N, C-alpha and C. Protein backbone atom coordinates (compact mmCIF):
# COMPACT_ATOMS: atom_id res chain seq x y z
N ILE A 1 0.86 -1.18 0.00
CA ILE A 1 0.00 0.00 0.00
C ILE A 1 0.90 1.24 0.00
N SER A 2 0.63 2.13 -0.92
CA SER A 2 1.38 3.38 -0.99
C SER A 2 0.65 4.46 -0.21
N TYR A 3 1.44 5.32 0.41
CA TYR A 3 0.87 6.45 1.13
C TYR A 3 1.55 7.71 0.62
N PHE A 4 0.75 8.72 0.30
CA PHE A 4 1.33 9.99 -0.11
C PHE A 4 0.48 11.11 0.45
N GLN A 5 1.11 12.26 0.58
CA GLN A 5 0.46 13.44 1.14
C GLN A 5 -0.03 14.33 0.01
N VAL A 6 -1.27 14.80 0.13
CA VAL A 6 -1.80 15.79 -0.79
C VAL A 6 -1.88 17.11 -0.01
N TYR A 7 -1.29 18.14 -0.59
CA TYR A 7 -1.30 19.45 0.04
C TYR A 7 -2.47 20.26 -0.50
N ILE A 8 -3.22 20.86 0.40
CA ILE A 8 -4.35 21.71 0.04
C ILE A 8 -3.93 23.13 0.36
N ILE A 9 -3.78 23.93 -0.70
CA ILE A 9 -3.20 25.25 -0.54
C ILE A 9 -4.14 26.32 -1.10
N GLN A 10 -4.31 27.37 -0.33
CA GLN A 10 -5.12 28.52 -0.76
C GLN A 10 -4.19 29.52 -1.43
N VAL A 11 -4.55 29.94 -2.63
CA VAL A 11 -3.79 30.93 -3.37
C VAL A 11 -4.73 32.08 -3.69
N SER A 12 -4.24 33.31 -3.47
CA SER A 12 -5.11 34.44 -3.77
C SER A 12 -4.32 35.57 -4.42
N VAL A 13 -5.01 36.24 -5.33
CA VAL A 13 -4.50 37.43 -5.99
C VAL A 13 -5.66 38.41 -6.05
N GLY A 14 -5.52 39.52 -5.38
CA GLY A 14 -6.61 40.50 -5.36
C GLY A 14 -7.87 39.85 -4.80
N ASN A 15 -8.96 39.92 -5.56
CA ASN A 15 -10.22 39.34 -5.12
C ASN A 15 -10.40 37.89 -5.56
N HIS A 16 -9.43 37.35 -6.27
CA HIS A 16 -9.51 35.98 -6.77
C HIS A 16 -8.80 35.03 -5.83
N GLN A 17 -9.42 33.87 -5.62
CA GLN A 17 -8.84 32.87 -4.73
C GLN A 17 -9.05 31.48 -5.31
N TRP A 18 -8.02 30.65 -5.21
CA TRP A 18 -8.08 29.27 -5.68
C TRP A 18 -7.68 28.34 -4.56
N THR A 19 -8.19 27.13 -4.63
CA THR A 19 -7.73 26.05 -3.77
C THR A 19 -7.03 25.05 -4.66
N VAL A 20 -5.77 24.79 -4.34
CA VAL A 20 -4.94 23.89 -5.13
C VAL A 20 -4.70 22.64 -4.31
N LYS A 21 -4.91 21.47 -4.93
CA LYS A 21 -4.72 20.19 -4.24
C LYS A 21 -3.78 19.32 -5.07
N HIS A 22 -2.55 19.18 -4.59
CA HIS A 22 -1.55 18.41 -5.32
C HIS A 22 -0.56 17.75 -4.38
N ARG A 23 0.09 16.72 -4.89
CA ARG A 23 1.20 16.08 -4.19
C ARG A 23 2.44 16.96 -4.35
N TYR A 24 3.40 16.77 -3.46
CA TYR A 24 4.64 17.52 -3.58
C TYR A 24 5.30 17.27 -4.93
N SER A 25 5.24 16.04 -5.40
CA SER A 25 5.88 15.69 -6.68
C SER A 25 5.32 16.52 -7.83
N ASP A 26 4.04 16.90 -7.77
CA ASP A 26 3.45 17.75 -8.80
C ASP A 26 4.08 19.14 -8.79
N PHE A 27 4.28 19.68 -7.58
CA PHE A 27 4.94 20.97 -7.45
C PHE A 27 6.39 20.88 -7.94
N HIS A 28 7.04 19.78 -7.61
CA HIS A 28 8.43 19.58 -8.03
C HIS A 28 8.52 19.53 -9.55
N ASP A 29 7.62 18.81 -10.20
CA ASP A 29 7.62 18.73 -11.67
C ASP A 29 7.42 20.11 -12.29
N LEU A 30 6.46 20.86 -11.77
CA LEU A 30 6.23 22.23 -12.25
C LEU A 30 7.48 23.06 -12.07
N HIS A 31 8.09 22.96 -10.91
CA HIS A 31 9.28 23.75 -10.61
C HIS A 31 10.42 23.43 -11.56
N GLU A 32 10.63 22.16 -11.84
CA GLU A 32 11.70 21.76 -12.77
C GLU A 32 11.49 22.39 -14.15
N LYS A 33 10.25 22.42 -14.60
CA LYS A 33 9.95 23.04 -15.90
C LYS A 33 10.20 24.55 -15.86
N LEU A 34 9.79 25.18 -14.77
CA LEU A 34 10.00 26.62 -14.66
C LEU A 34 11.48 26.98 -14.55
N VAL A 35 12.25 26.16 -13.88
CA VAL A 35 13.69 26.40 -13.77
C VAL A 35 14.33 26.31 -15.15
N SER A 36 13.97 25.30 -15.92
CA SER A 36 14.60 25.12 -17.23
C SER A 36 14.07 26.08 -18.29
N GLU A 37 12.78 26.39 -18.25
CA GLU A 37 12.19 27.22 -19.30
C GLU A 37 12.16 28.71 -18.97
N LYS A 38 11.94 29.05 -17.71
CA LYS A 38 11.79 30.45 -17.31
C LYS A 38 12.95 30.96 -16.47
N LYS A 39 13.89 30.08 -16.17
CA LYS A 39 15.11 30.45 -15.43
C LYS A 39 14.82 31.03 -14.04
N ILE A 40 13.82 30.48 -13.35
CA ILE A 40 13.57 30.94 -11.99
C ILE A 40 14.58 30.29 -11.05
N ASP A 41 14.71 30.82 -9.86
CA ASP A 41 15.66 30.32 -8.86
C ASP A 41 15.31 28.89 -8.48
N LYS A 42 16.27 27.98 -8.62
CA LYS A 42 15.98 26.58 -8.32
C LYS A 42 15.80 26.32 -6.82
N ASN A 43 16.19 27.28 -5.99
CA ASN A 43 16.04 27.13 -4.53
C ASN A 43 14.71 27.69 -4.02
N LEU A 44 13.86 28.14 -4.92
CA LEU A 44 12.58 28.74 -4.52
C LEU A 44 11.62 27.70 -3.93
N LEU A 45 11.66 26.49 -4.46
CA LEU A 45 10.77 25.42 -3.98
C LEU A 45 11.35 24.81 -2.71
N PRO A 46 10.49 24.54 -1.69
CA PRO A 46 10.99 23.85 -0.49
C PRO A 46 11.62 22.52 -0.89
N PRO A 47 12.70 22.13 -0.21
CA PRO A 47 13.42 20.91 -0.61
C PRO A 47 12.64 19.64 -0.34
N LYS A 48 13.03 18.59 -1.06
CA LYS A 48 12.47 17.26 -0.81
C LYS A 48 13.03 16.75 0.51
N LYS A 49 12.23 15.98 1.20
CA LYS A 49 12.67 15.34 2.45
C LYS A 49 12.37 13.86 2.32
N ILE A 50 13.30 13.04 2.69
CA ILE A 50 13.08 11.60 2.65
C ILE A 50 12.67 11.09 4.03
N ILE A 51 13.44 11.43 5.04
CA ILE A 51 13.18 10.95 6.40
C ILE A 51 12.11 11.82 7.05
N GLY A 52 11.08 11.18 7.56
CA GLY A 52 10.01 11.89 8.25
C GLY A 52 9.14 12.73 7.35
N LYS A 53 9.07 12.36 6.06
CA LYS A 53 8.36 13.20 5.11
C LYS A 53 6.86 13.29 5.37
N ASN A 54 6.31 12.37 6.15
CA ASN A 54 4.88 12.41 6.43
C ASN A 54 4.56 12.82 7.87
N SER A 55 5.58 13.31 8.59
CA SER A 55 5.32 13.76 9.95
C SER A 55 4.44 15.01 9.90
N LYS A 56 3.60 15.14 10.89
CA LYS A 56 2.64 16.25 10.91
C LYS A 56 3.34 17.61 10.85
N SER A 57 4.43 17.76 11.59
CA SER A 57 5.12 19.05 11.61
C SER A 57 5.74 19.37 10.25
N LEU A 58 6.32 18.38 9.59
CA LEU A 58 6.89 18.63 8.27
C LEU A 58 5.81 18.95 7.24
N VAL A 59 4.70 18.24 7.31
CA VAL A 59 3.59 18.48 6.37
C VAL A 59 3.07 19.91 6.55
N GLU A 60 2.88 20.35 7.78
CA GLU A 60 2.39 21.70 8.04
C GLU A 60 3.39 22.75 7.57
N LYS A 61 4.67 22.52 7.86
CA LYS A 61 5.72 23.46 7.45
C LYS A 61 5.81 23.53 5.93
N ARG A 62 5.80 22.37 5.29
CA ARG A 62 5.90 22.34 3.83
C ARG A 62 4.67 23.00 3.19
N GLN A 63 3.50 22.81 3.77
CA GLN A 63 2.29 23.42 3.21
C GLN A 63 2.43 24.94 3.21
N LYS A 64 2.91 25.50 4.30
CA LYS A 64 3.11 26.96 4.38
C LYS A 64 4.16 27.40 3.36
N GLU A 65 5.22 26.64 3.21
CA GLU A 65 6.27 26.97 2.25
C GLU A 65 5.74 26.89 0.81
N LEU A 66 4.89 25.92 0.55
CA LEU A 66 4.30 25.81 -0.79
C LEU A 66 3.35 26.96 -1.08
N GLU A 67 2.65 27.44 -0.06
CA GLU A 67 1.80 28.62 -0.23
C GLU A 67 2.65 29.82 -0.64
N VAL A 68 3.77 30.02 0.05
CA VAL A 68 4.68 31.11 -0.28
C VAL A 68 5.23 30.92 -1.70
N TYR A 69 5.57 29.70 -2.05
CA TYR A 69 6.09 29.38 -3.38
C TYR A 69 5.09 29.80 -4.46
N LEU A 70 3.84 29.39 -4.31
CA LEU A 70 2.83 29.71 -5.32
C LEU A 70 2.55 31.21 -5.38
N GLN A 71 2.51 31.87 -4.23
CA GLN A 71 2.29 33.31 -4.21
C GLN A 71 3.45 34.02 -4.92
N THR A 72 4.66 33.54 -4.71
CA THR A 72 5.84 34.12 -5.36
C THR A 72 5.75 33.95 -6.88
N LEU A 73 5.31 32.77 -7.33
CA LEU A 73 5.15 32.54 -8.76
C LEU A 73 4.12 33.49 -9.36
N LEU A 74 3.06 33.74 -8.62
CA LEU A 74 2.02 34.63 -9.14
C LEU A 74 2.52 36.07 -9.26
N VAL A 75 3.44 36.46 -8.40
CA VAL A 75 4.04 37.79 -8.51
C VAL A 75 4.96 37.85 -9.72
N LYS A 76 5.75 36.79 -9.93
CA LYS A 76 6.69 36.74 -11.05
C LYS A 76 5.98 36.58 -12.40
N PHE A 77 4.87 35.84 -12.40
CA PHE A 77 4.14 35.56 -13.63
C PHE A 77 2.67 35.90 -13.44
N PRO A 78 2.35 37.21 -13.47
CA PRO A 78 0.96 37.63 -13.20
C PRO A 78 -0.03 37.12 -14.25
């Protein structure tokens, strides 16, 4: 049985708001494309973690970091 975490992230710009539901790997794939095609900072995305990746504290911390990541992308690519 496989177990994976889905992050539920609120993204907002002005009066518009979205709820994004994805695995970390989806964000990582997007980030890799943006790094290669748009030359964004490769350190912008929170790093992968192998040990304790499903601990509650890491999940909560990563969720907040992913929110910041998406908000930063929206500023760079309005």
